[in-house]
Amino acid sequence: MSTAVNADPRVKEVSVTDELITFRLADGRSVSVPLAWSWRLSDATPAQRNNHEIIGDGHGVHWPDIDEDLSVEGMFNGIPARRPTKS
């Protein structure tokens, strides 16, 4: 007996709330990170947060209004993005 493991998770749905960024994956799993992990999404309006497109055959998501990209791999293994310092 063998068990199939999907080592190539792909995004099927995206949601962004005031607290979480959540990717629902094609294999049925969900992965979430705190909204604070993306300062661009934290600063975005609800309309900007909802304007996204799944890219890279499901490997990531792009928010064109704020030029933000997040990947499934980054959601699993990443760390919060640092806000740039003002000079």
PDB file of N, CA and C in Angstrom:
ATOM      1  N   MET A   1       0.849  -1.172   0.000  1.00  0.00           N
ATOM      2  CA  MET A   1       0.000   0.000   0.000  1.00  0.00           C
ATOM      3  C   MET A   1       0.893   1.233   0.000  1.00  0.00           C
ATOM      4  N   SER A   2       0.581   2.182  -0.848  1.00  0.00           N
ATOM      5  CA  SER A   2       1.352   3.420  -0.877  1.00  0.00           C
ATOM      6  C   SER A   2       0.422   4.601  -0.650  1.00  0.00           C
ATOM      7  N   THR A   3       0.995   5.635  -0.131  1.00  0.00           N
ATOM      8  CA  THR A   3       0.245   6.859   0.108  1.00  0.00           C
ATOM      9  C   THR A   3       0.815   7.942  -0.779  1.00  0.00           C
ATOM     10  N   ALA A   4      -0.041   8.558  -1.561  1.00  0.00           N
ATOM     11  CA  ALA A   4       0.414   9.643  -2.439  1.00  0.00           C
ATOM     12  C   ALA A   4       0.560  10.912  -1.611  1.00  0.00           C
ATOM     13  N   VAL A   5       1.680  11.578  -1.798  1.00  0.00           N
ATOM     14  CA  VAL A   5       1.938  12.832  -1.107  1.00  0.00           C
ATOM     15  C   VAL A   5       2.156  13.903  -2.167  1.00  0.00           C
ATOM     16  N   ASN A   6       1.420  14.987  -2.050  1.00  0.00           N
ATOM     17  CA  ASN A   6       1.586  16.086  -2.998  1.00  0.00           C
ATOM     18  C   ASN A   6       2.669  17.009  -2.477  1.00  0.00           C
ATOM     19  N   ALA A   7       3.858  16.918  -3.086  1.00  0.00           N
ATOM     20  CA  ALA A   7       4.980  17.751  -2.651  1.00  0.00           C
ATOM     21  C   ALA A   7       5.002  19.078  -3.398  1.00  0.00           C
ATOM     22  N   ASP A   8       3.975  19.338  -4.201  1.00  0.00           N
ATOM     23  CA  ASP A   8       3.917  20.541  -5.013  1.00  0.00           C
ATOM     24  C   ASP A   8       2.579  21.244  -4.785  1.00  0.00           C
ATOM     25  N   PRO A   9       2.368  21.793  -3.586  1.00  0.00           N
ATOM     26  CA  PRO A   9       1.069  22.404  -3.280  1.00  0.00           C
ATOM     27  C   PRO A   9       0.816  23.642  -4.133  1.00  0.00           C
ATOM     28  N   ARG A  10      -0.439  23.803  -4.526  1.00  0.00           N
ATOM     29  CA  ARG A  10      -0.828  24.929  -5.367  1.00  0.00           C
ATOM     30  C   ARG A  10      -2.033  25.653  -4.781  1.00  0.00           C
ATOM     31  N   VAL A  11      -2.026  26.968  -4.910  1.00  0.00           N
ATOM     32  CA  VAL A  11      -3.099  27.803  -4.378  1.00  0.00           C
ATOM     33  C   VAL A  11      -4.353  27.642  -5.235  1.00  0.00           C
ATOM     34  N   LYS A  12      -5.480  27.474  -4.545  1.00  0.00           N
ATOM     35  CA  LYS A  12      -6.777  27.399  -5.208  1.00  0.00           C
ATOM     36  C   LYS A  12      -7.611  28.637  -4.873  1.00  0.00           C
ATOM     37  N   GLU A  13      -7.543  29.090  -3.614  1.00  0.00           N
ATOM     38  CA  GLU A  13      -8.305  30.249  -3.160  1.00  0.00           C
ATOM     39  C   GLU A  13      -7.451  31.065  -2.199  1.00  0.00           C
ATOM     40  N   VAL A  14      -7.759  32.356  -2.123  1.00  0.00           N
ATOM     41  CA  VAL A  14      -7.020  33.286  -1.265  1.00  0.00           C
ATOM     42  C   VAL A  14      -8.016  34.107  -0.476  1.00  0.00           C
ATOM     43  N   SER A  15      -7.712  34.341   0.802  1.00  0.00           N
ATOM     44  CA  SER A  15      -8.504  35.299   1.573  1.00  0.00           C
ATOM     45  C   SER A  15      -7.569  36.084   2.486  1.00  0.00           C
ATOM     46  N   VAL A  16      -7.904  37.344   2.650  1.00  0.00           N
ATOM     47  CA  VAL A  16      -7.143  38.217   3.537  1.00  0.00           C
ATOM     48  C   VAL A  16      -8.148  38.913   4.453  1.00  0.00           C
ATOM     49  N   THR A  17      -7.980  38.701   5.751  1.00  0.00           N
ATOM     50  CA  THR A  17      -8.835  39.359   6.744  1.00  0.00           C
ATOM     51  C   THR A  17      -8.000  40.401   7.483  1.00  0.00           C
ATOM     52  N   ASP A  18      -8.579  41.019   8.480  1.00  0.00           N
ATOM     53  CA  ASP A  18      -7.835  41.986   9.293  1.00  0.00           C
ATOM     54  C   ASP A  18      -6.767  41.315  10.147  1.00  0.00           C
ATOM     55  N   GLU A  19      -6.774  39.981  10.197  1.00  0.00           N
ATOM     56  CA  GLU A  19      -5.820  39.253  11.031  1.00  0.00           C
ATOM     57  C   GLU A  19      -4.962  38.239  10.287  1.00  0.00           C
ATOM     58  N   LEU A  20      -5.495  37.638   9.203  1.00  0.00           N
ATOM     59  CA  LEU A  20      -4.805  36.518   8.563  1.00  0.00           C
ATOM     60  C   LEU A  20      -4.757  36.630   7.045  1.00  0.00           C
ATOM     61  N   ILE A  21      -3.692  36.076   6.478  1.00  0.00           N
ATOM     62  CA  ILE A  21      -3.593  35.794   5.047  1.00  0.00           C
ATOM     63  C   ILE A  21      -3.718  34.276   4.939  1.00  0.00           C
ATOM     64  N   THR A  22      -4.699  33.796   4.172  1.00  0.00           N
ATOM     65  CA  THR A  22      -4.946  32.360   4.086  1.00  0.00           C
ATOM     66  C   THR A  22      -4.954  31.910   2.638  1.00  0.00           C
ATOM     67  N   PHE A  23      -4.188  30.858   2.366  1.00  0.00           N
ATOM     68  CA  PHE A  23      -4.218  30.184   1.074  1.00  0.00           C
ATOM     69  C   PHE A  23      -4.912  28.853   1.279  1.00  0.00           C
ATOM     70  N   ARG A  24      -5.946  28.584   0.492  1.00  0.00           N
ATOM     71  CA  ARG A  24      -6.552  27.262   0.446  1.00  0.00           C
ATOM     72  C   ARG A  24      -5.922  26.557  -0.745  1.00  0.00           C
ATOM     73  N   LEU A  25      -5.386  25.385  -0.486  1.00  0.00           N
ATOM     74  CA  LEU A  25      -4.623  24.675  -1.500  1.00  0.00           C
ATOM     75  C   LEU A  25      -5.480  23.655  -2.241  1.00  0.00           C
ATOM     76  N   ALA A  26      -5.060  23.320  -3.449  1.00  0.00           N
ATOM     77  CA  ALA A  26      -5.807  22.386  -4.287  1.00  0.00           C
ATOM     78  C   ALA A  26      -5.934  21.006  -3.649  1.00  0.00           C
ATOM     79  N   ASP A  27      -4.989  20.648  -2.775  1.00  0.00           N
ATOM     80  CA  ASP A  27      -5.042  19.325  -2.137  1.00  0.00           C
ATOM     81  C   ASP A  27      -5.895  19.306  -0.870  1.00  0.00           C
ATOM     82  N   GLY A  28      -6.578  20.414  -0.572  1.00  0.00           N
ATOM     83  CA  GLY A  28      -7.491  20.453   0.568  1.00  0.00           C
ATOM     84  C   GLY A  28      -6.934  21.101   1.817  1.00  0.00           C
ATOM     85  N   ARG A  29      -5.627  21.317   1.863  1.00  0.00           N
ATOM     86  CA  ARG A  29      -5.034  21.968   3.030  1.00  0.00           C
ATOM     87  C   ARG A  29      -5.232  23.471   2.957  1.00  0.00           C
ATOM     88  N   SER A  30      -5.092  24.122   4.106  1.00  0.00           N
ATOM     89  CA  SER A  30      -5.062  25.578   4.208  1.00  0.00           C
ATOM     90  C   SER A  30      -3.820  25.967   4.986  1.00  0.00           C
ATOM     91  N   VAL A  31      -3.236  27.079   4.600  1.00  0.00           N
ATOM     92  CA  VAL A  31      -2.096  27.617   5.328  1.00  0.00           C
ATOM     93  C   VAL A  31      -2.365  29.094   5.549  1.00  0.00           C
ATOM     94  N   SER A  32      -2.122  29.559   6.779  1.00  0.00           N
ATOM     95  CA  SER A  32      -2.354  30.956   7.139  1.00  0.00           C
ATOM     96  C   SER A  32      -1.152  31.513   7.865  1.00  0.00           C
ATOM     97  N   VAL A  33      -0.948  32.802   7.669  1.00  0.00           N
ATOM     98  CA  VAL A  33       0.059  33.542   8.432  1.00  0.00           C
ATOM     99  C   VAL A  33      -0.600  34.832   8.904  1.00  0.00           C
ATOM    100  N   PRO A  34      -0.053  35.427   9.959  1.00  0.00           N
ATOM    101  CA  PRO A  34      -0.619  36.698  10.419  1.00  0.00           C
ATOM    102  C   PRO A  34      -0.511  37.768   9.329  1.00  0.00           C
ATOM    103  N   LEU A  35      -1.506  38.628   9.241  1.00  0.00           N
ATOM    104  CA  LEU A  35      -1.489  39.723   8.276  1.00  0.00           C
ATOM    105  C   LEU A  35      -0.238  40.573   8.446  1.00  0.00           C
ATOM    106  N   ALA A  36       0.237  40.714   9.655  1.00  0.00           N
ATOM    107  CA  ALA A  36       1.423  41.527   9.931  1.00  0.00           C
ATOM    108  C   ALA A  36       2.667  41.004   9.222  1.00  0.00           C
ATOM    109  N   TRP A  37       2.653  39.771   8.735  1.00  0.00           N
ATOM    110  CA  TRP A  37       3.801  39.243   7.996  1.00  0.00           C
ATOM    111  C   TRP A  37       4.026  39.991   6.690  1.00  0.00           C
ATOM    112  N   SER A  38       2.999  40.652   6.181  1.00  0.00           N
ATOM    113  CA  SER A  38       3.133  41.448   4.960  1.00  0.00           C
ATOM    114  C   SER A  38       2.755  42.881   5.282  1.00  0.00           C
ATOM    115  N   TRP A  39       3.745  43.746   5.431  1.00  0.00           N
ATOM    116  CA  TRP A  39       3.424  45.136   5.756  1.00  0.00           C
ATOM    117  C   TRP A  39       2.657  45.792   4.622  1.00  0.00           C
ATOM    118  N   ARG A  40       2.886  45.366   3.382  1.00  0.00           N
ATOM    119  CA  ARG A  40       2.134  45.942   2.259  1.00  0.00           C
ATOM    120  C   ARG A  40       0.649  45.594   2.369  1.00  0.00           C
ATOM    121  N   LEU A  41       0.342  44.332   2.665  1.00  0.00           N
ATOM    122  CA  LEU A  41      -1.057  43.951   2.834  1.00  0.00           C
ATOM    123  C   LEU A  41      -1.646  44.560   4.104  1.00  0.00           C
ATOM    124  N   SER A  42      -0.851  44.700   5.135  1.00  0.00           N
ATOM    125  CA  SER A  42      -1.325  45.344   6.369  1.00  0.00           C
ATOM    126  C   SER A  42      -1.751  46.783   6.118  1.00  0.00           C
ATOM    127  N   ASP A  43      -0.990  47.474   5.264  1.00  0.00           N
ATOM    128  CA  ASP A  43      -1.281  48.873   4.957  1.00  0.00           C
ATOM    129  C   ASP A  43      -2.337  49.053   3.867  1.00  0.00           C
ATOM    130  N   ALA A  44      -2.689  47.981   3.174  1.00  0.00           N
ATOM    131  CA  ALA A  44      -3.608  48.059   2.038  1.00  0.00           C
ATOM    132  C   ALA A  44      -5.060  48.221   2.481  1.00  0.00           C
ATOM    133  N   THR A  45      -5.851  48.756   1.573  1.00  0.00           N
ATOM    134  CA  THR A  45      -7.294  48.853   1.806  1.00  0.00           C
ATOM    135  C   THR A  45      -7.921  47.476   1.582  1.00  0.00           C
ATOM    136  N   PRO A  46      -9.138  47.260   2.082  1.00  0.00           N
ATOM    137  CA  PRO A  46      -9.806  45.982   1.803  1.00  0.00           C
ATOM    138  C   PRO A  46      -9.940  45.707   0.305  1.00  0.00           C
ATOM    139  N   ALA A  47     -10.214  46.723  -0.490  1.00  0.00           N
ATOM    140  CA  ALA A  47     -10.326  46.528  -1.937  1.00  0.00           C
ATOM    141  C   ALA A  47      -8.993  46.080  -2.532  1.00  0.00           C
ATOM    142  N   GLN A  48      -7.897  46.666  -2.079  1.00  0.00           N
ATOM    143  CA  GLN A  48      -6.576  46.267  -2.566  1.00  0.00           C
ATOM    144  C   GLN A  48      -6.240  44.841  -2.137  1.00  0.00           C
ATOM    145  N   ARG A  49      -6.627  44.469  -0.929  1.00  0.00           N
ATOM    146  CA  ARG A  49      -6.376  43.103  -0.437  1.00  0.00           C
ATOM    147  C   ARG A  49      -7.150  42.074  -1.240  1.00  0.00           C
ATOM    148  N   ASN A  50      -8.335  42.452  -1.699  1.00  0.00           N
ATOM    149  CA  ASN A  50      -9.179  41.520  -2.453  1.00  0.00           C
ATOM    150  C   ASN A  50      -8.821  41.448  -3.928  1.00  0.00           C
ATOM    151  N   ASN A  51      -7.995  42.354  -4.415  1.00  0.00           N
ATOM    152  CA  ASN A  51      -7.583  42.343  -5.812  1.00  0.00           C
ATOM    153  C   ASN A  51      -6.274  41.571  -5.937  1.00  0.00           C
ATOM    154  N   HIS A  52      -6.391  40.291  -6.176  1.00  0.00           N
ATOM    155  CA  HIS A  52      -5.214  39.428  -6.276  1.00  0.00           C
ATOM    156  C   HIS A  52      -5.372  38.487  -7.454  1.00  0.00           C
ATOM    157  N   GLU A  53      -4.257  37.914  -7.864  1.00  0.00           N
ATOM    158  CA  GLU A  53      -4.285  36.904  -8.917  1.00  0.00           C
ATOM    159  C   GLU A  53      -3.337  35.779  -8.544  1.00  0.00           C
ATOM    160  N   ILE A  54      -3.769  34.566  -8.811  1.00  0.00           N
ATOM    161  CA  ILE A  54      -2.927  33.397  -8.571  1.00  0.00           C
ATOM    162  C   ILE A  54      -1.944  33.312  -9.737  1.00  0.00           C
ATOM    163  N   ILE A  55      -0.659  33.176  -9.403  1.00  0.00           N
ATOM    164  CA  ILE A  55       0.397  33.198 -10.423  1.00  0.00           C
ATOM    165  C   ILE A  55       1.243  31.923 -10.361  1.00  0.00           C
ATOM    166  N   GLY A  56       2.073  31.756 -11.371  1.00  0.00           N
ATOM    167  CA  GLY A  56       3.023  30.632 -11.363  1.00  0.00           C
ATOM    168  C   GLY A  56       2.345  29.288 -11.279  1.00  0.00           C
ATOM    169  N   ASP A  57       1.232  29.118 -12.008  1.00  0.00           N
ATOM    170  CA  ASP A  57       0.497  27.853 -12.002  1.00  0.00           C
ATOM    171  C   ASP A  57       0.080  27.442 -10.591  1.00  0.00           C
ATOM    172  N   GLY A  58      -0.222  28.447  -9.750  1.00  0.00           N
ATOM    173  CA  GLY A  58      -0.690  28.168  -8.399  1.00  0.00           C
ATOM    174  C   GLY A  58       0.368  28.190  -7.327  1.00  0.00           C
ATOM    175  N   HIS A  59       1.601  28.501  -7.687  1.00  0.00           N
ATOM    176  CA  HIS A  59       2.675  28.514  -6.689  1.00  0.00           C
ATOM    177  C   HIS A  59       2.722  29.802  -5.876  1.00  0.00           C
ATOM    178  N   GLY A  60       1.987  30.823  -6.295  1.00  0.00           N
ATOM    179  CA  GLY A  60       2.021  32.081  -5.567  1.00  0.00           C
ATOM    180  C   GLY A  60       0.824  32.949  -5.882  1.00  0.00           C
ATOM    181  N   VAL A  61       0.798  34.103  -5.239  1.00  0.00           N
ATOM    182  CA  VAL A  61      -0.287  35.076  -5.402  1.00  0.00           C
ATOM    183  C   VAL A  61       0.334  36.453  -5.546  1.00  0.00           C
ATOM    184  N   HIS A  62      -0.241  37.254  -6.453  1.00  0.00           N
ATOM    185  CA  HIS A  62       0.225  38.621  -6.699  1.00  0.00           C
ATOM    186  C   HIS A  62      -0.917  39.586  -6.439  1.00  0.00           C
ATOM    187  N   TRP A  63      -0.612  40.673  -5.729  1.00  0.00           N
ATOM    188  CA  TRP A  63      -1.536  41.774  -5.484  1.00  0.00           C
ATOM    189  C   TRP A  63      -1.034  42.963  -6.305  1.00  0.00           C
ATOM    190  N   PRO A  64      -1.616  43.219  -7.484  1.00  0.00           N
ATOM    191  CA  PRO A  64      -1.076  44.237  -8.386  1.00  0.00           C
ATOM    192  C   PRO A  64      -1.172  45.664  -7.850  1.00  0.00           C
ATOM    193  N   ASP A  65      -2.187  45.969  -7.075  1.00  0.00           N
ATOM    194  CA  ASP A  65      -2.353  47.341  -6.572  1.00  0.00           C
ATOM    195  C   ASP A  65      -1.244  47.766  -5.622  1.00  0.00           C
ATOM    196  N   ILE A  66      -0.642  46.780  -4.951  1.00  0.00           N
ATOM    197  CA  ILE A  66       0.391  47.114  -3.961  1.00  0.00           C
ATOM    198  C   ILE A  66       1.733  46.441  -4.276  1.00  0.00           C
ATOM    199  N   ASP A  67       1.808  45.781  -5.430  1.00  0.00           N
ATOM    200  CA  ASP A  67       3.021  45.101  -5.891  1.00  0.00           C
ATOM    201  C   ASP A  67       3.578  44.145  -4.837  1.00  0.00           C
ATOM    202  N   GLU A  68       2.710  43.271  -4.341  1.00  0.00           N
ATOM    203  CA  GLU A  68       3.095  42.262  -3.346  1.00  0.00           C
ATOM    204  C   GLU A  68       2.951  40.880  -3.949  1.00  0.00           C
ATOM    205  N   ASP A  69       3.906  40.012  -3.667  1.00  0.00           N
ATOM    206  CA  ASP A  69       3.864  38.616  -4.096  1.00  0.00           C
ATOM    207  C   ASP A  69       4.157  37.727  -2.893  1.00  0.00           C
ATOM    208  N   LEU A  70       3.342  36.694  -2.734  1.00  0.00           N
ATOM    209  CA  LEU A  70       3.583  35.683  -1.700  1.00  0.00           C
ATOM    210  C   LEU A  70       3.519  34.319  -2.361  1.00  0.00           C
ATOM    211  N   SER A  71       4.388  33.418  -1.912  1.00  0.00           N
ATOM    212  CA  SER A  71       4.403  32.055  -2.454  1.00  0.00           C
ATOM    213  C   SER A  71       3.921  31.068  -1.404  1.00  0.00           C
ATOM    214  N   VAL A  72       3.485  29.906  -1.890  1.00  0.00           N
ATOM    215  CA  VAL A  72       3.100  28.837  -0.965  1.00  0.00           C
ATOM    216  C   VAL A  72       4.308  28.450  -0.127  1.00  0.00           C
ATOM    217  N   GLU A  73       5.448  28.291  -0.761  1.00  0.00           N
ATOM    218  CA  GLU A  73       6.674  27.929  -0.037  1.00  0.00           C
ATOM    219  C   GLU A  73       6.992  28.960   1.046  1.00  0.00           C
ATOM    220  N   GLY A  74       6.847  30.232   0.712  1.00  0.00           N
ATOM    221  CA  GLY A  74       7.091  31.285   1.695  1.00  0.00           C
ATOM    222  C   GLY A  74       6.113  31.235   2.857  1.00  0.00           C
ATOM    223  N   MET A  75       4.873  30.868   2.570  1.00  0.00           N
ATOM    224  CA  MET A  75       3.883  30.742   3.643  1.00  0.00           C
ATOM    225  C   MET A  75       4.257  29.598   4.583  1.00  0.00           C
ATOM    226  N   PHE A  76       4.760  28.485   4.015  1.00  0.00           N
ATOM    227  CA  PHE A  76       5.164  27.342   4.833  1.00  0.00           C
ATOM    228  C   PHE A  76       6.447  27.611   5.613  1.00  0.00           C
ATOM    229  N   ASN A  77       7.422  28.242   4.968  1.00  0.00           N
ATOM    230  CA  ASN A  77       8.767  28.325   5.531  1.00  0.00           C
ATOM    231  C   ASN A  77       9.274  29.724   5.797  1.00  0.00           C
ATOM    232  N   GLY A  78       8.514  30.714   5.388  1.00  0.00           N
ATOM    233  CA  GLY A  78       9.016  32.081   5.410  1.00  0.00           C
ATOM    234  C   GLY A  78       9.036  32.739   6.771  1.00  0.00           C
ATOM    235  N   ILE A  79       9.476  33.953   6.729  1.00  0.00           N
ATOM    236  CA  ILE A  79       9.497  34.809   7.908  1.00  0.00           C
ATOM    237  C   ILE A  79       8.832  36.116   7.521  1.00  0.00           C
ATOM    238  N   PRO A  80       8.389  36.898   8.472  1.00  0.00           N
ATOM    239  CA  PRO A  80       7.719  38.153   8.139  1.00  0.00           C
ATOM    240  C   PRO A  80       8.632  39.079   7.324  1.00  0.00           C
ATOM    241  N   ALA A  81       8.006  39.804   6.399  1.00  0.00           N
ATOM    242  CA  ALA A  81       8.744  40.791   5.601  1.00  0.00           C
ATOM    243  C   ALA A  81       9.056  42.003   6.478  1.00  0.00           C
ATOM    244  N   ARG A  82      10.255  42.507   6.349  1.00  0.00           N
ATOM    245  CA  ARG A  82      10.641  43.693   7.111  1.00  0.00           C
ATOM    246  C   ARG A  82      10.204  44.945   6.396  1.00  0.00           C
ATOM    247  N   ARG A  83       9.639  45.855   7.150  1.00  0.00           N
ATOM    248  CA  ARG A  83       9.270  47.149   6.584  1.00  0.00           C
ATOM    249  C   ARG A  83      10.553  47.917   6.291  1.00  0.00           C
ATOM    250  N   PRO A  84      10.656  48.517   5.112  1.00  0.00           N
ATOM    251  CA  PRO A  84      11.877  49.264   4.820  1.00  0.00           C
ATOM    252  C   PRO A  84      12.031  50.449   5.762  1.00  0.00           C
ATOM    253  N   THR A  85      13.269  50.747   6.077  1.00  0.00           N
ATOM    254  CA  THR A  85      13.535  51.899   6.927  1.00  0.00           C
ATOM    255  C   THR A  85      13.573  53.157   6.081  1.00  0.00           C
ATOM    256  N   LYS A  86      13.086  54.226   6.636  1.00  0.00           N
ATOM    257  CA  LYS A  86      13.091  55.507   5.930  1.00  0.00           C
ATOM    258  C   LYS A  86      14.446  56.158   6.103  1.00  0.00           C
ATOM    259  N   SER A  87      14.967  56.692   5.000  1.00  0.00           N
ATOM    260  CA  SER A  87      16.272  57.354   5.106  1.00  0.00           C
ATOM    261  C   SER A  87      16.136  58.844   5.037  1.00  0.00           C
TER     262      SER A  87
END
